[in-house]
Amino acid sequence: MDEIRIVDLEVFANHGVFPEENALGQKFIVNLVLRGDFSAACKSDVLDDSVDYGAVCHLVDATLRASTFKLIERAAQAVADAVLDRFPLVQEIDIELKKPWAPIGLPVAYASVKITRGR
């Protein structure tokens, strides 16, 4: 199976358990691995035979901005659902959703969730 990777996509959205997170918003960082058979694109050099990763990035951004979720687990699931619905060539997706400004009260680089979903 072939892979397309999108690394460190930054999205500003309003997810979190605390009301301040929902009101003020914060930065989220998204890493994606899209798996499928992209061999036709390898031969044809035609974008329609692959997955437009620019369109994927815009879909991820729109999906995370469209709703407010308490948990990053739910936000990651919304991204998986949107990508799998829109891009039929994607057979499996890994999503890591990082929350670098997580309100933990201790020094931490980020909190994250990683999920894998498929057809």
C-alpha atoms as a PDB file:
ATOM      1  CA  MET A   1       0.000   0.000   0.000  1.00  0.00           C
ATOM      2  CA  ASP A   2       1.245   3.487  -0.852  1.00  0.00           C
ATOM      3  CA  GLU A   3       1.338   6.430   1.556  1.00  0.00           C
ATOM      4  CA  ILE A   4       0.879  10.178   1.339  1.00  0.00           C
ATOM      5  CA  ARG A   5       2.077  12.024   4.444  1.00  0.00           C
ATOM      6  CA  ILE A   6       1.068  15.469   5.653  1.00  0.00           C
ATOM      7  CA  VAL A   7       3.253  16.678   8.517  1.00  0.00           C
ATOM      8  CA  ASP A   8       2.649  19.465  11.052  1.00  0.00           C
ATOM      9  CA  LEU A   9      -0.407  21.111   9.507  1.00  0.00           C
ATOM     10  CA  GLU A  10      -1.348  23.990  11.836  1.00  0.00           C
ATOM     11  CA  VAL A  11      -5.014  24.728  12.462  1.00  0.00           C
ATOM     12  CA  PHE A  12      -6.502  27.281  14.851  1.00  0.00           C
ATOM     13  CA  ALA A  13      -9.723  25.908  16.342  1.00  0.00           C
ATOM     14  CA  ASN A  14     -11.904  25.932  19.457  1.00  0.00           C
ATOM     15  CA  HIS A  15     -11.714  22.482  21.051  1.00  0.00           C
ATOM     16  CA  GLY A  16     -11.359  21.652  24.728  1.00  0.00           C
ATOM     17  CA  VAL A  17     -13.082  20.765  27.947  1.00  0.00           C
ATOM     18  CA  PHE A  18     -12.745  24.235  29.476  1.00  0.00           C
ATOM     19  CA  PRO A  19     -15.026  27.112  28.378  1.00  0.00           C
ATOM     20  CA  GLU A  20     -12.004  29.364  27.816  1.00  0.00           C
ATOM     21  CA  GLU A  21     -10.655  26.937  25.209  1.00  0.00           C
ATOM     22  CA  ASN A  22     -13.944  27.059  23.330  1.00  0.00           C
ATOM     23  CA  ALA A  23     -14.155  30.853  23.515  1.00  0.00           C
ATOM     24  CA  LEU A  24     -10.534  31.776  22.767  1.00  0.00           C
ATOM     25  CA  GLY A  25      -9.402  28.880  20.594  1.00  0.00           C
ATOM     26  CA  GLN A  26      -5.881  27.564  20.226  1.00  0.00           C
ATOM     27  CA  LYS A  27      -3.411  26.011  17.827  1.00  0.00           C
ATOM     28  CA  PHE A  28      -3.629  22.330  16.909  1.00  0.00           C
ATOM     29  CA  ILE A  29      -1.049  20.425  14.878  1.00  0.00           C
ATOM     30  CA  VAL A  30      -2.167  17.598  12.610  1.00  0.00           C
ATOM     31  CA  ASN A  31      -0.111  14.771  11.117  1.00  0.00           C
ATOM     32  CA  LEU A  32      -1.748  12.489   8.570  1.00  0.00           C
ATOM     33  CA  VAL A  33      -0.779   9.309   6.769  1.00  0.00           C
ATOM     34  CA  LEU A  34      -3.113   8.453   3.878  1.00  0.00           C
ATOM     35  CA  ARG A  35      -2.841   4.879   2.612  1.00  0.00           C
ATOM     36  CA  GLY A  36      -4.151   3.488  -0.641  1.00  0.00           C
ATOM     37  CA  ASP A  37      -3.178   2.229  -4.057  1.00  0.00           C
ATOM     38  CA  PHE A  38      -1.738   5.280  -5.797  1.00  0.00           C
ATOM     39  CA  SER A  39       0.064   3.262  -8.485  1.00  0.00           C
ATOM     40  CA  ALA A  40      -2.089   4.715 -11.275  1.00  0.00           C
ATOM     41  CA  ALA A  41      -0.752   8.186 -10.431  1.00  0.00           C
ATOM     42  CA  CYS A  42       2.799   6.817 -10.412  1.00  0.00           C
ATOM     43  CA  LYS A  43       2.294   5.776 -14.037  1.00  0.00           C
ATOM     44  CA  SER A  44       0.075   8.568 -15.358  1.00  0.00           C
ATOM     45  CA  ASP A  45       1.485  11.641 -13.558  1.00  0.00           C
ATOM     46  CA  VAL A  46      -2.133  12.873 -13.353  1.00  0.00           C
ATOM     47  CA  LEU A  47      -3.477  14.354 -10.108  1.00  0.00           C
ATOM     48  CA  ASP A  48      -6.929  12.830 -10.622  1.00  0.00           C
ATOM     49  CA  ASP A  49      -5.300   9.402 -10.229  1.00  0.00           C
ATOM     50  CA  SER A  50      -4.075  10.315  -6.738  1.00  0.00           C
ATOM     51  CA  VAL A  51      -5.209  12.260  -3.687  1.00  0.00           C
ATOM     52  CA  ASP A  52      -4.782  16.033  -3.782  1.00  0.00           C
ATOM     53  CA  TYR A  53      -2.996  16.625  -0.485  1.00  0.00           C
ATOM     54  CA  GLY A  54      -3.677  20.354  -0.729  1.00  0.00           C
ATOM     55  CA  ALA A  55      -7.402  19.612  -0.821  1.00  0.00           C
ATOM     56  CA  VAL A  56      -6.943  17.247   2.127  1.00  0.00           C
ATOM     57  CA  CYS A  57      -5.263  20.023   4.140  1.00  0.00           C
ATOM     58  CA  HIS A  58      -8.093  22.460   3.425  1.00  0.00           C
ATOM     59  CA  LEU A  59     -10.671  19.814   4.349  1.00  0.00           C
ATOM     60  CA  VAL A  60      -8.907  19.108   7.656  1.00  0.00           C
ATOM     61  CA  ASP A  61      -8.787  22.835   8.427  1.00  0.00           C
ATOM     62  CA  ALA A  62     -12.477  23.305   7.571  1.00  0.00           C
ATOM     63  CA  THR A  63     -13.512  20.218   9.548  1.00  0.00           C
ATOM     64  CA  LEU A  64     -11.687  21.302  12.702  1.00  0.00           C
ATOM     65  CA  ARG A  65     -13.061  24.851  12.452  1.00  0.00           C
ATOM     66  CA  ALA A  66     -16.654  23.808  11.719  1.00  0.00           C
ATOM     67  CA  SER A  67     -17.435  22.243  15.099  1.00  0.00           C
ATOM     68  CA  THR A  68     -16.370  22.523  18.710  1.00  0.00           C
ATOM     69  CA  PHE A  69     -15.415  19.293  20.452  1.00  0.00           C
ATOM     70  CA  LYS A  70     -14.493  18.752  24.079  1.00  0.00           C
ATOM     71  CA  LEU A  71     -12.054  15.941  23.325  1.00  0.00           C
ATOM     72  CA  ILE A  72      -9.254  15.765  20.774  1.00  0.00           C
ATOM     73  CA  GLU A  73     -10.246  12.127  20.275  1.00  0.00           C
ATOM     74  CA  ARG A  74     -13.597  13.275  18.864  1.00  0.00           C
ATOM     75  CA  ALA A  75     -11.948  15.962  16.751  1.00  0.00           C
ATOM     76  CA  ALA A  76      -9.584  13.367  15.245  1.00  0.00           C
ATOM     77  CA  GLN A  77     -12.533  11.100  14.449  1.00  0.00           C
ATOM     78  CA  ALA A  78     -14.286  13.970  12.651  1.00  0.00           C
ATOM     79  CA  VAL A  79     -11.182  14.452  10.497  1.00  0.00           C
ATOM     80  CA  ALA A  80     -11.006  10.728   9.696  1.00  0.00           C
ATOM     81  CA  ASP A  81     -14.670  10.637   8.732  1.00  0.00           C
ATOM     82  CA  ALA A  82     -14.355  13.703   6.495  1.00  0.00           C
ATOM     83  CA  VAL A  83     -11.259  12.459   4.656  1.00  0.00           C
ATOM     84  CA  LEU A  84     -12.603   8.940   4.134  1.00  0.00           C
ATOM     85  CA  ASP A  85     -15.938  10.347   2.904  1.00  0.00           C
ATOM     86  CA  ARG A  86     -14.370  12.790   0.435  1.00  0.00           C
ATOM     87  CA  PHE A  87     -11.444  10.775  -0.934  1.00  0.00           C
ATOM     88  CA  PRO A  88     -12.376   7.247  -2.064  1.00  0.00           C
ATOM     89  CA  LEU A  89      -8.769   6.338  -2.960  1.00  0.00           C
ATOM     90  CA  VAL A  90      -7.822   6.592   0.734  1.00  0.00           C
ATOM     91  CA  GLN A  91      -8.289   3.127   2.213  1.00  0.00           C
ATOM     92  CA  GLU A  92      -6.777   3.854   5.630  1.00  0.00           C
ATOM     93  CA  ILE A  93      -5.789   6.976   7.527  1.00  0.00           C
ATOM     94  CA  ASP A  94      -3.580   7.640  10.541  1.00  0.00           C
ATOM     95  CA  ILE A  95      -4.231  10.916  12.309  1.00  0.00           C
ATOM     96  CA  GLU A  96      -2.188  12.417  15.102  1.00  0.00           C
ATOM     97  CA  LEU A  97      -3.811  15.504  16.587  1.00  0.00           C
ATOM     98  CA  LYS A  98      -1.491  17.496  18.847  1.00  0.00           C
ATOM     99  CA  LYS A  99      -2.569  20.128  21.322  1.00  0.00           C
ATOM    100  CA  PRO A 100       0.557  22.175  22.128  1.00  0.00           C
ATOM    101  CA  TRP A 101      -1.164  24.619  24.468  1.00  0.00           C
ATOM    102  CA  ALA A 102      -2.989  21.994  26.516  1.00  0.00           C
ATOM    103  CA  PRO A 103      -4.020  23.527  29.873  1.00  0.00           C
ATOM    104  CA  ILE A 104      -2.224  20.995  32.048  1.00  0.00           C
ATOM    105  CA  GLY A 105      -0.551  23.380  34.487  1.00  0.00           C
ATOM    106  CA  LEU A 106       2.870  21.769  34.011  1.00  0.00           C
ATOM    107  CA  PRO A 107       5.563  22.168  31.354  1.00  0.00           C
ATOM    108  CA  VAL A 108       4.704  19.905  28.421  1.00  0.00           C
ATOM    109  CA  ALA A 109       5.451  20.091  24.695  1.00  0.00           C
ATOM    110  CA  TYR A 110       1.976  18.885  23.757  1.00  0.00           C
ATOM    111  CA  ALA A 111      -0.762  16.361  24.442  1.00  0.00           C
ATOM    112  CA  SER A 112      -1.888  14.271  21.487  1.00  0.00           C
ATOM    113  CA  VAL A 113      -4.105  11.472  20.284  1.00  0.00           C
ATOM    114  CA  LYS A 114      -3.320   9.134  17.409  1.00  0.00           C
ATOM    115  CA  ILE A 115      -6.014   7.101  15.662  1.00  0.00           C
ATOM    116  CA  THR A 116      -6.143   4.790  12.660  1.00  0.00           C
ATOM    117  CA  ARG A 117      -9.330   4.329  10.664  1.00  0.00           C
ATOM    118  CA  GLY A 118     -10.102   2.467   7.469  1.00  0.00           C
ATOM    119  CA  ARG A 119     -12.861   1.381   5.175  1.00  0.00           C
END
